[in-house]
Amino acid sequence: MNYTFIIPFYNEDQNVTTLNDEIIKNIKKISDGKRNFEIIYVDDGSTDKTFIELKKLNTNNIDATIVRHKINMSQSTAINTGISLSKYENLIILDGDLQNDPDDVSKLIVEFEKGADMIIGWRKKRKDNFLLRSLPSIIANFIVRLFSKSKIHDHGCAFKIIKKNTIDELTNWGDFHRLLAARLANNGYDVREIEVNHKSRIYGKSNYGFSRIFKVLIDLLYLKFFKNYKRQSIYFFGLFSFSSFLLSILCFVYMIILKFIYNTSFIQTPLPLLIVFLLMVGLIFLFIGILAQLIIMNQDKSNDKIKDSIVEKINLKSNK
């Protein structure tokens, strides 16, 4: 079997060389004449020296390509760029922050070659801040399992091996990397997990914040009710829809407090009308987002977008 490593970077200049050396070391260990490997590094519009460091890499005659986006597009777009340039049928994806351990590649491959469509890592012993990263992840993964057919513990783990032909219009929409395991499980693919080592971040800083929580919620709603369509514009309209629903809930809670604590009748306030209005606005925005995305689907030229986003591409092997 043949594999393409895809590693997206965003402002990770201090991690580039170490990660490359570890990947090369592990490729040498598991290369047995029956497996071929290539590496695709994607610089997703970094503002530091990431691309400069990538151009200095020595890949020991292993086919490697580095690509740079004009601007920061998103982790999913960077992965899609790697997929579009890959020549092998199986993809190994991991983050560029050195928290994923390349030493785990061999055991993921062994499990993958038993017949799985996807193997994803389980960071059972995470080396992240518990309150800011681990606890929200535990809660999010519980909700994902509730909304989908997936039984995976750690949907957010970037370390995964996947068959390239499983990524199609049913799975590759929005920030697809985040809930890829759940999307594939919902579509009937064989998705398995294996415990992997997770290391503390030494250099750089996390590029994730609380803003991703909103997108996860929208992804889950879409996965549950509209999983047969891909979309991105639903995030825009979904923001207004989600806000309207939230405001209606707050108004309802306040109305109940006025009624049972301050003995204020419902009809003495405009809250009932306001609640209905906000619910209607939320539904309207939600369906506008869905309609807009269905229109965009017919006009989407994803390959052209990826091609236009690439500002520089270098084959490292040819430089040796």
C-alpha atoms as a PDB file:
ATOM      1  CA  MET A   1       0.000   0.000   0.000  1.00  0.00           C
ATOM      2  CA  ASN A   2       1.112   3.555  -0.698  1.00  0.00           C
ATOM      3  CA  TYR A   3       0.732   6.610   1.490  1.00  0.00           C
ATOM      4  CA  THR A   4       0.817  10.388   1.201  1.00  0.00           C
ATOM      5  CA  PHE A   5       1.663  12.392   4.328  1.00  0.00           C
ATOM      6  CA  ILE A   6      -0.213  15.708   4.439  1.00  0.00           C
ATOM      7  CA  ILE A   7       0.932  18.212   7.059  1.00  0.00           C
ATOM      8  CA  PRO A   8      -0.627  21.693   7.218  1.00  0.00           C
ATOM      9  CA  PHE A   9       1.371  24.491   8.872  1.00  0.00           C
ATOM     10  CA  TYR A  10       0.391  27.912  10.085  1.00  0.00           C
ATOM     11  CA  ASN A  11       3.108  29.923  11.861  1.00  0.00           C
ATOM     12  CA  GLU A  12       5.062  26.856  12.993  1.00  0.00           C
ATOM     13  CA  ASP A  13       8.583  27.810  11.846  1.00  0.00           C
ATOM     14  CA  GLN A  14      10.245  26.393  14.975  1.00  0.00           C
ATOM     15  CA  ASN A  15       8.583  23.003  14.518  1.00  0.00           C
ATOM     16  CA  VAL A  16       9.251  22.390  10.820  1.00  0.00           C
ATOM     17  CA  THR A  17      12.702  20.783  10.924  1.00  0.00           C
ATOM     18  CA  THR A  18      12.076  18.558  13.953  1.00  0.00           C
ATOM     19  CA  LEU A  19       8.786  17.254  12.589  1.00  0.00           C
ATOM     20  CA  ASN A  20      10.321  16.537   9.184  1.00  0.00           C
ATOM     21  CA  ASP A  21      13.233  14.614  10.776  1.00  0.00           C
ATOM     22  CA  GLU A  22      10.827  12.515  12.849  1.00  0.00           C
ATOM     23  CA  ILE A  23       8.645  11.710   9.850  1.00  0.00           C
ATOM     24  CA  ILE A  24      11.645  10.713   7.728  1.00  0.00           C
ATOM     25  CA  LYS A  25      12.970   8.516  10.553  1.00  0.00           C
ATOM     26  CA  ASN A  26       9.667   6.661  10.811  1.00  0.00           C
ATOM     27  CA  ILE A  27       9.281   6.278   7.059  1.00  0.00           C
ATOM     28  CA  LYS A  28      12.691   4.596   6.973  1.00  0.00           C
ATOM     29  CA  LYS A  29      11.545   2.210   9.720  1.00  0.00           C
ATOM     30  CA  ILE A  30       8.360   1.085   8.003  1.00  0.00           C
ATOM     31  CA  SER A  31       9.524   1.102   4.379  1.00  0.00           C
ATOM     32  CA  ASP A  32       9.713  -2.557   3.411  1.00  0.00           C
ATOM     33  CA  GLY A  33       9.596  -2.428  -0.375  1.00  0.00           C
ATOM     34  CA  LYS A  34       5.830  -2.950  -0.345  1.00  0.00           C
ATOM     35  CA  ARG A  35       4.985   0.596   0.706  1.00  0.00           C
ATOM     36  CA  ASN A  36       5.760   3.875  -1.020  1.00  0.00           C
ATOM     37  CA  PHE A  37       5.559   7.258   0.652  1.00  0.00           C
ATOM     38  CA  GLU A  38       5.452  10.909  -0.287  1.00  0.00           C
ATOM     39  CA  ILE A  39       5.165  14.023   1.881  1.00  0.00           C
ATOM     40  CA  ILE A  40       3.194  17.175   1.148  1.00  0.00           C
ATOM     41  CA  TYR A  41       3.775  20.159   3.421  1.00  0.00           C
ATOM     42  CA  VAL A  42       1.238  22.962   3.086  1.00  0.00           C
ATOM     43  CA  ASP A  43       2.042  26.409   4.466  1.00  0.00           C
ATOM     44  CA  ASP A  44      -1.380  27.953   4.972  1.00  0.00           C
ATOM     45  CA  GLY A  45      -0.349  31.595   4.554  1.00  0.00           C
ATOM     46  CA  SER A  46       2.045  31.786   7.515  1.00  0.00           C
ATOM     47  CA  THR A  47       3.349  35.216   8.498  1.00  0.00           C
ATOM     48  CA  ASP A  48       6.525  33.888  10.121  1.00  0.00           C
ATOM     49  CA  LYS A  49       9.429  31.952   8.540  1.00  0.00           C
ATOM     50  CA  THR A  50       7.587  28.664   8.083  1.00  0.00           C
ATOM     51  CA  PHE A  51       7.984  28.546   4.305  1.00  0.00           C
ATOM     52  CA  ILE A  52      11.656  29.545   4.512  1.00  0.00           C
ATOM     53  CA  GLU A  53      12.262  26.650   6.905  1.00  0.00           C
ATOM     54  CA  LEU A  54      10.321  24.273   4.671  1.00  0.00           C
ATOM     55  CA  LYS A  55      12.562  25.097   1.713  1.00  0.00           C
ATOM     56  CA  LYS A  56      15.625  24.099   3.761  1.00  0.00           C
ATOM     57  CA  LEU A  57      14.378  20.591   4.518  1.00  0.00           C
ATOM     58  CA  ASN A  58      16.284  17.441   3.661  1.00  0.00           C
ATOM     59  CA  THR A  59      13.898  14.570   2.944  1.00  0.00           C
ATOM     60  CA  ASN A  60      16.549  11.908   2.218  1.00  0.00           C
ATOM     61  CA  ASN A  61      15.350  11.197  -1.319  1.00  0.00           C
ATOM     62  CA  ILE A  62      11.755  10.718  -0.249  1.00  0.00           C
ATOM     63  CA  ASP A  63       9.385  12.496  -2.622  1.00  0.00           C
ATOM     64  CA  ALA A  64       8.276  15.704  -0.924  1.00  0.00           C
ATOM     65  CA  THR A  65       6.404  18.785  -2.070  1.00  0.00           C
ATOM     66  CA  ILE A  66       5.957  22.072  -0.270  1.00  0.00           C
ATOM     67  CA  VAL A  67       3.127  24.433  -1.122  1.00  0.00           C
ATOM     68  CA  ARG A  68       2.340  27.925   0.099  1.00  0.00           C
ATOM     69  CA  HIS A  69      -1.076  29.585   0.140  1.00  0.00           C
ATOM     70  CA  LYS A  70      -1.355  33.279  -0.665  1.00  0.00           C
ATOM     71  CA  ILE A  71      -3.275  33.902   2.558  1.00  0.00           C
ATOM     72  CA  ASN A  72      -4.433  31.905   5.547  1.00  0.00           C
ATOM     73  CA  MET A  73      -7.342  29.870   4.175  1.00  0.00           C
ATOM     74  CA  SER A  74      -8.126  27.343   6.958  1.00  0.00           C
ATOM     75  CA  GLN A  75      -6.794  23.979   8.047  1.00  0.00           C
ATOM     76  CA  SER A  76      -9.383  22.154   5.946  1.00  0.00           C
ATOM     77  CA  THR A  77      -8.387  24.086   2.827  1.00  0.00           C
ATOM     78  CA  ALA A  78      -4.720  23.301   3.490  1.00  0.00           C
ATOM     79  CA  ILE A  79      -5.560  19.600   3.800  1.00  0.00           C
ATOM     80  CA  ASN A  80      -7.611  19.787   0.608  1.00  0.00           C
ATOM     81  CA  THR A  81      -4.641  21.324  -1.165  1.00  0.00           C
ATOM     82  CA  GLY A  82      -2.536  18.363  -0.062  1.00  0.00           C
ATOM     83  CA  ILE A  83      -5.215  15.915  -1.198  1.00  0.00           C
ATOM     84  CA  SER A  84      -5.430  17.544  -4.624  1.00  0.00           C
ATOM     85  CA  LEU A  85      -1.660  17.158  -5.086  1.00  0.00           C
ATOM     86  CA  SER A  86      -1.357  13.644  -3.639  1.00  0.00           C
ATOM     87  CA  LYS A  87      -0.538  10.731  -5.932  1.00  0.00           C
ATOM     88  CA  TYR A  88      -1.217   7.834  -3.558  1.00  0.00           C
ATOM     89  CA  GLU A  89      -4.504   6.251  -2.528  1.00  0.00           C
ATOM     90  CA  ASN A  90      -4.077   6.529   1.260  1.00  0.00           C
ATOM     91  CA  LEU A  91      -3.575   9.712   3.258  1.00  0.00           C
ATOM     92  CA  ILE A  92      -1.744  10.180   6.559  1.00  0.00           C
ATOM     93  CA  ILE A  93      -2.692  13.510   8.120  1.00  0.00           C
ATOM     94  CA  LEU A  94      -1.164  15.102  11.203  1.00  0.00           C
ATOM     95  CA  ASP A  95      -0.703  18.585  12.632  1.00  0.00           C
ATOM     96  CA  GLY A  96       2.459  20.618  12.296  1.00  0.00           C
ATOM     97  CA  ASP A  97       2.671  21.597  15.969  1.00  0.00           C
ATOM     98  CA  LEU A  98       4.685  18.542  17.146  1.00  0.00           C
ATOM     99  CA  GLN A  99       1.914  17.436  19.512  1.00  0.00           C
ATOM    100  CA  ASN A 100       1.154  14.420  17.319  1.00  0.00           C
ATOM    101  CA  ASP A 101       3.886  11.803  17.651  1.00  0.00           C
ATOM    102  CA  PRO A 102       5.175  10.402  14.308  1.00  0.00           C
ATOM    103  CA  ASP A 103       6.409   7.340  16.221  1.00  0.00           C
ATOM    104  CA  ASP A 104       2.758   6.230  16.256  1.00  0.00           C
ATOM    105  CA  VAL A 105       2.580   6.030  12.470  1.00  0.00           C
ATOM    106  CA  SER A 106       3.588   2.377  12.336  1.00  0.00           C
ATOM    107  CA  LYS A 107       0.822   1.132  14.626  1.00  0.00           C
ATOM    108  CA  LEU A 108      -1.779   3.229  12.816  1.00  0.00           C
ATOM    109  CA  ILE A 109      -0.679   1.719   9.515  1.00  0.00           C
ATOM    110  CA  VAL A 110      -0.815  -1.834  10.909  1.00  0.00           C
ATOM    111  CA  GLU A 111      -4.408  -1.287  12.072  1.00  0.00           C
ATOM    112  CA  PHE A 112      -5.362   0.502   8.867  1.00  0.00           C
ATOM    113  CA  GLU A 113      -4.096  -2.349   6.704  1.00  0.00           C
ATOM    114  CA  LYS A 114      -6.450  -4.737   8.480  1.00  0.00           C
ATOM    115  CA  GLY A 115      -9.201  -3.291   6.294  1.00  0.00           C
ATOM    116  CA  ALA A 116     -10.376  -0.020   7.862  1.00  0.00           C
ATOM    117  CA  ASP A 117     -11.501   2.955   5.796  1.00  0.00           C
ATOM    118  CA  MET A 118     -10.153   5.343   8.404  1.00  0.00           C
ATOM    119  CA  ILE A 119      -7.996   5.153  11.514  1.00  0.00           C
ATOM    120  CA  ILE A 120      -8.033   8.103  13.893  1.00  0.00           C
ATOM    121  CA  GLY A 121      -5.886   8.674  16.957  1.00  0.00           C
ATOM    122  CA  TRP A 122      -7.261   8.843  20.483  1.00  0.00           C
ATOM    123  CA  ARG A 123      -5.337  11.283  22.670  1.00  0.00           C
ATOM    124  CA  LYS A 124      -6.313   9.465  25.851  1.00  0.00           C
ATOM    125  CA  LYS A 125      -3.655  11.272  27.892  1.00  0.00           C
ATOM    126  CA  ARG A 126      -3.784  14.799  26.490  1.00  0.00           C
ATOM    127  CA  LYS A 127      -1.046  17.277  27.328  1.00  0.00           C
ATOM    128  CA  ASP A 128      -3.275  20.356  27.085  1.00  0.00           C
ATOM    129  CA  ASN A 129      -4.817  22.771  29.548  1.00  0.00           C
ATOM    130  CA  PHE A 130      -7.712  20.814  31.057  1.00  0.00           C
ATOM    131  CA  LEU A 131     -10.214  23.643  31.457  1.00  0.00           C
ATOM    132  CA  LEU A 132      -9.495  25.420  28.176  1.00  0.00           C
ATOM    133  CA  ARG A 133      -8.858  22.455  25.863  1.00  0.00           C
ATOM    134  CA  SER A 134      -9.463  18.989  27.339  1.00  0.00           C
ATOM    135  CA  LEU A 135     -12.789  19.554  29.130  1.00  0.00           C
ATOM    136  CA  PRO A 136     -14.463  21.297  26.162  1.00  0.00           C
ATOM    137  CA  SER A 137     -13.174  18.466  23.975  1.00  0.00           C
ATOM    138  CA  ILE A 138     -14.708  15.823  26.256  1.00  0.00           C
ATOM    139  CA  ILE A 139     -18.064  17.599  26.179  1.00  0.00           C
ATOM    140  CA  ALA A 140     -17.908  18.164  22.416  1.00  0.00           C
ATOM    141  CA  ASN A 141     -17.062  14.525  21.719  1.00  0.00           C
ATOM    142  CA  PHE A 142     -19.984  13.372  23.863  1.00  0.00           C
ATOM    143  CA  ILE A 143     -22.336  15.608  21.862  1.00  0.00           C
ATOM    144  CA  VAL A 144     -20.880  14.391  18.556  1.00  0.00           C
ATOM    145  CA  ARG A 145     -21.464  10.768  19.532  1.00  0.00           C
ATOM    146  CA  LEU A 146     -25.021  11.720  20.536  1.00  0.00           C
ATOM    147  CA  PHE A 147     -25.740  13.353  17.169  1.00  0.00           C
ATOM    148  CA  SER A 148     -24.017  10.826  14.915  1.00  0.00           C
ATOM    149  CA  LYS A 149     -23.378   7.124  14.478  1.00  0.00           C
ATOM    150  CA  SER A 150     -19.750   7.564  15.495  1.00  0.00           C
ATOM    151  CA  LYS A 151     -18.396   5.822  18.601  1.00  0.00           C
ATOM    152  CA  ILE A 152     -15.022   7.586  18.439  1.00  0.00           C
ATOM    153  CA  HIS A 153     -13.695   9.131  21.665  1.00  0.00           C
ATOM    154  CA  ASP A 154     -11.580  11.878  20.113  1.00  0.00           C
ATOM    155  CA  HIS A 155     -13.025  13.360  16.913  1.00  0.00           C
ATOM    156  CA  GLY A 156     -10.708  16.361  17.180  1.00  0.00           C
ATOM    157  CA  CYS A 157      -7.483  14.377  16.859  1.00  0.00           C
ATOM    158  CA  ALA A 158      -5.657  15.518  13.725  1.00  0.00           C
ATOM    159  CA  PHE A 159      -3.631  12.291  13.459  1.00  0.00           C
ATOM    160  CA  LYS A 160      -5.433   9.982  11.059  1.00  0.00           C
ATOM    161  CA  ILE A 161      -5.062   7.645   8.100  1.00  0.00           C
ATOM    162  CA  ILE A 162      -7.827   7.605   5.528  1.00  0.00           C
ATOM    163  CA  LYS A 163      -8.583   6.171   2.113  1.00  0.00           C
ATOM    164  CA  LYS A 164      -8.604   9.043  -0.344  1.00  0.00           C
ATOM    165  CA  ASN A 165     -11.645   7.731  -2.194  1.00  0.00           C
ATOM    166  CA  THR A 166     -13.827   8.139   0.913  1.00  0.00           C
ATOM    167  CA  ILE A 167     -13.533  11.921   0.697  1.00  0.00           C
ATOM    168  CA  ASP A 168     -16.307  13.156  -1.569  1.00  0.00           C
ATOM    169  CA  GLU A 169     -19.090  15.748  -1.633  1.00  0.00           C
ATOM    170  CA  LEU A 170     -20.820  13.995   1.260  1.00  0.00           C
ATOM    171  CA  THR A 171     -17.868  14.462   3.595  1.00  0.00           C
ATOM    172  CA  ASN A 172     -15.835  17.342   2.196  1.00  0.00           C
ATOM    173  CA  TRP A 173     -17.824  20.423   3.141  1.00  0.00           C
ATOM    174  CA  GLY A 174     -17.095  23.305   5.489  1.00  0.00           C
ATOM    175  CA  ASP A 175     -14.246  22.677   7.921  1.00  0.00           C
ATOM    176  CA  PHE A 176     -14.446  18.985   7.119  1.00  0.00           C
ATOM    177  CA  HIS A 177     -11.333  17.909   9.055  1.00  0.00           C
ATOM    178  CA  ARG A 178     -12.986  18.560  12.407  1.00  0.00           C
ATOM    179  CA  LEU A 179     -15.770  15.958  12.248  1.00  0.00           C
ATOM    180  CA  LEU A 180     -14.475  13.776   9.428  1.00  0.00           C
ATOM    181  CA  ALA A 181     -14.713  10.575  11.475  1.00  0.00           C
ATOM    182  CA  ALA A 182     -18.353  11.281  12.347  1.00  0.00           C
ATOM    183  CA  ARG A 183     -19.200  12.144   8.748  1.00  0.00           C
ATOM    184  CA  LEU A 184     -17.658   8.928   7.454  1.00  0.00           C
ATOM    185  CA  ALA A 185     -19.329   6.853  10.170  1.00  0.00           C
ATOM    186  CA  ASN A 186     -22.676   8.387   9.223  1.00  0.00           C
ATOM    187  CA  ASN A 187     -22.042   7.357   5.629  1.00  0.00           C
ATOM    188  CA  GLY A 188     -21.369   3.740   6.581  1.00  0.00           C
ATOM    189  CA  TYR A 189     -17.570   3.615   6.426  1.00  0.00           C
ATOM    190  CA  ASP A 190     -15.442   1.522   8.772  1.00  0.00           C
ATOM    191  CA  VAL A 191     -13.902   4.058  11.163  1.00  0.00           C
ATOM    192  CA  ARG A 192     -11.634   2.813  13.960  1.00  0.00           C
ATOM    193  CA  GLU A 193      -9.548   4.497  16.626  1.00  0.00           C
ATOM    194  CA  ILE A 194      -6.267   3.668  18.304  1.00  0.00           C
ATOM    195  CA  GLU A 195      -4.633   5.273  21.324  1.00  0.00           C
ATOM    196  CA  VAL A 196      -1.764   7.586  20.408  1.00  0.00           C
ATOM    197  CA  ASN A 197       0.832   9.571  22.286  1.00  0.00           C
ATOM    198  CA  HIS A 198       0.140  13.263  22.742  1.00  0.00           C
ATOM    199  CA  LYS A 199       2.969  15.671  23.469  1.00  0.00           C
ATOM    200  CA  SER A 200       2.970  19.106  25.043  1.00  0.00           C
ATOM    201  CA  ARG A 201       3.384  22.040  22.703  1.00  0.00           C
ATOM    202  CA  ILE A 202       6.935  23.386  22.994  1.00  0.00           C
ATOM    203  CA  TYR A 203       7.046  26.108  20.349  1.00  0.00           C
ATOM    204  CA  GLY A 204       4.427  28.432  18.959  1.00  0.00           C
ATOM    205  CA  LYS A 205       0.871  28.822  20.146  1.00  0.00           C
ATOM    206  CA  SER A 206      -2.419  27.136  19.443  1.00  0.00           C
ATOM    207  CA  ASN A 207      -4.312  28.542  16.484  1.00  0.00           C
ATOM    208  CA  TYR A 208      -7.648  27.421  17.872  1.00  0.00           C
ATOM    209  CA  GLY A 209      -9.997  29.441  20.029  1.00  0.00           C
ATOM    210  CA  PHE A 210     -13.516  29.312  21.393  1.00  0.00           C
ATOM    211  CA  SER A 211     -14.873  30.521  18.044  1.00  0.00           C
ATOM    212  CA  ARG A 212     -14.608  26.956  16.735  1.00  0.00           C
ATOM    213  CA  ILE A 213     -17.346  25.862  19.194  1.00  0.00           C
ATOM    214  CA  PHE A 214     -19.975  27.681  17.161  1.00  0.00           C
ATOM    215  CA  LYS A 215     -18.860  25.974  13.948  1.00  0.00           C
ATOM    216  CA  VAL A 216     -18.922  22.567  15.653  1.00  0.00           C
ATOM    217  CA  LEU A 217     -22.540  23.173  16.722  1.00  0.00           C
ATOM    218  CA  ILE A 218     -23.540  24.215  13.210  1.00  0.00           C
ATOM    219  CA  ASP A 219     -21.674  21.221  11.763  1.00  0.00           C
ATOM    220  CA  LEU A 220     -23.543  18.867  14.073  1.00  0.00           C
ATOM    221  CA  LEU A 221     -26.937  20.322  13.191  1.00  0.00           C
ATOM    222  CA  TYR A 222     -26.120  20.066   9.519  1.00  0.00           C
ATOM    223  CA  LEU A 223     -24.700  16.571   9.912  1.00  0.00           C
ATOM    224  CA  LYS A 224     -27.882  15.454  11.648  1.00  0.00           C
ATOM    225  CA  PHE A 225     -30.469  17.011   9.370  1.00  0.00           C
ATOM    226  CA  PHE A 226     -28.805  17.916   6.071  1.00  0.00           C
ATOM    227  CA  LYS A 227     -25.879  15.505   5.833  1.00  0.00           C
ATOM    228  CA  ASN A 228     -26.293  14.874   2.106  1.00  0.00           C
ATOM    229  CA  TYR A 229     -25.180  18.386   1.180  1.00  0.00           C
ATOM    230  CA  LYS A 230     -21.936  20.211   1.605  1.00  0.00           C
ATOM    231  CA  ARG A 231     -21.873  23.857   2.610  1.00  0.00           C
ATOM    232  CA  GLN A 232     -19.875  26.776   3.860  1.00  0.00           C
ATOM    233  CA  SER A 233     -22.277  29.718   3.586  1.00  0.00           C
ATOM    234  CA  ILE A 234     -24.510  28.159   6.233  1.00  0.00           C
ATOM    235  CA  TYR A 235     -21.958  29.365   8.804  1.00  0.00           C
ATOM    236  CA  PHE A 236     -22.722  32.969   7.868  1.00  0.00           C
ATOM    237  CA  PHE A 237     -26.507  32.690   8.061  1.00  0.00           C
ATOM    238  CA  GLY A 238     -26.240  30.143  10.859  1.00  0.00           C
ATOM    239  CA  LEU A 239     -24.597  32.776  13.063  1.00  0.00           C
ATOM    240  CA  PHE A 240     -27.694  34.976  12.851  1.00  0.00           C
ATOM    241  CA  SER A 241     -30.001  32.008  13.247  1.00  0.00           C
ATOM    242  CA  PHE A 242     -28.141  30.712  16.295  1.00  0.00           C
ATOM    243  CA  SER A 243     -28.116  34.203  17.847  1.00  0.00           C
ATOM    244  CA  SER A 244     -31.867  34.621  17.330  1.00  0.00           C
ATOM    245  CA  PHE A 245     -32.617  31.246  18.901  1.00  0.00           C
ATOM    246  CA  LEU A 246     -30.368  32.066  21.852  1.00  0.00           C
ATOM    247  CA  LEU A 247     -32.026  35.456  22.410  1.00  0.00           C
ATOM    248  CA  SER A 248     -35.478  33.870  22.286  1.00  0.00           C
ATOM    249  CA  ILE A 249     -34.439  31.383  24.978  1.00  0.00           C
ATOM    250  CA  LEU A 250     -33.083  34.185  27.183  1.00  0.00           C
ATOM    251  CA  CYS A 251     -36.300  36.174  26.732  1.00  0.00           C
ATOM    252  CA  PHE A 252     -38.348  33.119  27.652  1.00  0.00           C
ATOM    253  CA  VAL A 253     -36.318  32.543  30.831  1.00  0.00           C
ATOM    254  CA  TYR A 254     -36.697  36.212  31.789  1.00  0.00           C
ATOM    255  CA  MET A 255     -40.453  36.034  31.160  1.00  0.00           C
ATOM    256  CA  ILE A 256     -40.759  33.009  33.462  1.00  0.00           C
ATOM    257  CA  ILE A 257     -38.779  34.817  36.157  1.00  0.00           C
ATOM    258  CA  LEU A 258     -41.095  37.851  35.928  1.00  0.00           C
ATOM    259  CA  LYS A 259     -44.147  35.614  36.144  1.00  0.00           C
ATOM    260  CA  PHE A 260     -43.251  33.381  39.068  1.00  0.00           C
ATOM    261  CA  ILE A 261     -40.944  35.609  41.089  1.00  0.00           C
ATOM    262  CA  TYR A 262     -42.318  39.105  40.485  1.00  0.00           C
ATOM    263  CA  ASN A 263     -45.905  38.045  39.684  1.00  0.00           C
ATOM    264  CA  THR A 264     -45.915  39.931  36.388  1.00  0.00           C
ATOM    265  CA  SER A 265     -48.454  38.689  33.853  1.00  0.00           C
ATOM    266  CA  PHE A 266     -47.220  37.579  30.441  1.00  0.00           C
ATOM    267  CA  ILE A 267     -49.489  40.094  28.700  1.00  0.00           C
ATOM    268  CA  GLN A 268     -48.019  42.988  30.671  1.00  0.00           C
ATOM    269  CA  THR A 269     -44.780  42.716  28.731  1.00  0.00           C
ATOM    270  CA  PRO A 270     -43.911  42.459  25.020  1.00  0.00           C
ATOM    271  CA  LEU A 271     -41.822  39.358  25.727  1.00  0.00           C
ATOM    272  CA  PRO A 272     -44.235  36.738  24.249  1.00  0.00           C
ATOM    273  CA  LEU A 273     -44.328  38.578  20.925  1.00  0.00           C
ATOM    274  CA  LEU A 274     -40.584  39.123  21.018  1.00  0.00           C
ATOM    275  CA  ILE A 275     -39.947  35.419  21.611  1.00  0.00           C
ATOM    276  CA  VAL A 276     -42.133  34.416  18.657  1.00  0.00           C
ATOM    277  CA  PHE A 277     -40.476  37.072  16.481  1.00  0.00           C
ATOM    278  CA  LEU A 278     -36.961  35.866  17.348  1.00  0.00           C
ATOM    279  CA  LEU A 279     -37.889  32.237  16.699  1.00  0.00           C
ATOM    280  CA  MET A 280     -39.280  33.146  13.293  1.00  0.00           C
ATOM    281  CA  VAL A 281     -36.199  35.199  12.429  1.00  0.00           C
ATOM    282  CA  GLY A 282     -33.971  32.289  13.464  1.00  0.00           C
ATOM    283  CA  LEU A 283     -35.869  29.860  11.232  1.00  0.00           C
ATOM    284  CA  ILE A 284     -35.810  32.284   8.299  1.00  0.00           C
ATOM    285  CA  PHE A 285     -32.038  32.760   8.537  1.00  0.00           C
ATOM    286  CA  LEU A 286     -31.501  29.015   8.869  1.00  0.00           C
ATOM    287  CA  PHE A 287     -33.441  28.222   5.715  1.00  0.00           C
ATOM    288  CA  ILE A 288     -31.885  31.121   3.809  1.00  0.00           C
ATOM    289  CA  GLY A 289     -28.482  29.627   4.647  1.00  0.00           C
ATOM    290  CA  ILE A 290     -29.534  26.202   3.407  1.00  0.00           C
ATOM    291  CA  LEU A 291     -31.008  27.635   0.205  1.00  0.00           C
ATOM    292  CA  ALA A 292     -27.921  29.758  -0.420  1.00  0.00           C
ATOM    293  CA  GLN A 293     -25.663  26.764   0.006  1.00  0.00           C
ATOM    294  CA  LEU A 294     -27.697  24.634  -2.379  1.00  0.00           C
ATOM    295  CA  ILE A 295     -27.254  27.365  -4.995  1.00  0.00           C
ATOM    296  CA  ILE A 296     -23.517  27.637  -4.285  1.00  0.00           C
ATOM    297  CA  MET A 297     -23.119  23.869  -4.662  1.00  0.00           C
ATOM    298  CA  ASN A 298     -24.027  24.153  -8.328  1.00  0.00           C
ATOM    299  CA  GLN A 299     -21.430  26.863  -8.873  1.00  0.00           C
ATOM    300  CA  ASP A 300     -18.639  25.513  -6.717  1.00  0.00           C
ATOM    301  CA  LYS A 301     -15.330  24.996  -8.494  1.00  0.00           C
ATOM    302  CA  SER A 302     -13.296  23.635  -5.596  1.00  0.00           C
ATOM    303  CA  ASN A 303     -10.315  22.541  -7.680  1.00  0.00           C
ATOM    304  CA  ASP A 304     -10.035  25.992  -9.224  1.00  0.00           C
ATOM    305  CA  LYS A 305     -10.208  27.594  -5.774  1.00  0.00           C
ATOM    306  CA  ILE A 306      -7.406  25.390  -4.499  1.00  0.00           C
ATOM    307  CA  LYS A 307      -5.336  26.118  -7.588  1.00  0.00           C
ATOM    308  CA  ASP A 308      -5.878  29.861  -7.196  1.00  0.00           C
ATOM    309  CA  SER A 309      -4.908  29.771  -3.508  1.00  0.00           C
ATOM    310  CA  ILE A 310      -1.451  28.288  -4.230  1.00  0.00           C
ATOM    311  CA  VAL A 311       1.216  30.932  -4.696  1.00  0.00           C
ATOM    312  CA  GLU A 312       4.292  28.679  -4.708  1.00  0.00           C
ATOM    313  CA  LYS A 313       4.989  24.963  -5.113  1.00  0.00           C
ATOM    314  CA  ILE A 314       8.405  23.265  -4.845  1.00  0.00           C
ATOM    315  CA  ASN A 315       9.418  19.630  -5.262  1.00  0.00           C
ATOM    316  CA  LEU A 316      12.098  19.122  -2.598  1.00  0.00           C
ATOM    317  CA  LYS A 317      13.526  15.932  -4.080  1.00  0.00           C
ATOM    318  CA  SER A 318      14.462  17.779  -7.248  1.00  0.00           C
ATOM    319  CA  ASN A 319      16.585  20.159  -5.168  1.00  0.00           C
ATOM    320  CA  LYS A 320      18.929  17.461  -3.856  1.00  0.00           C
END
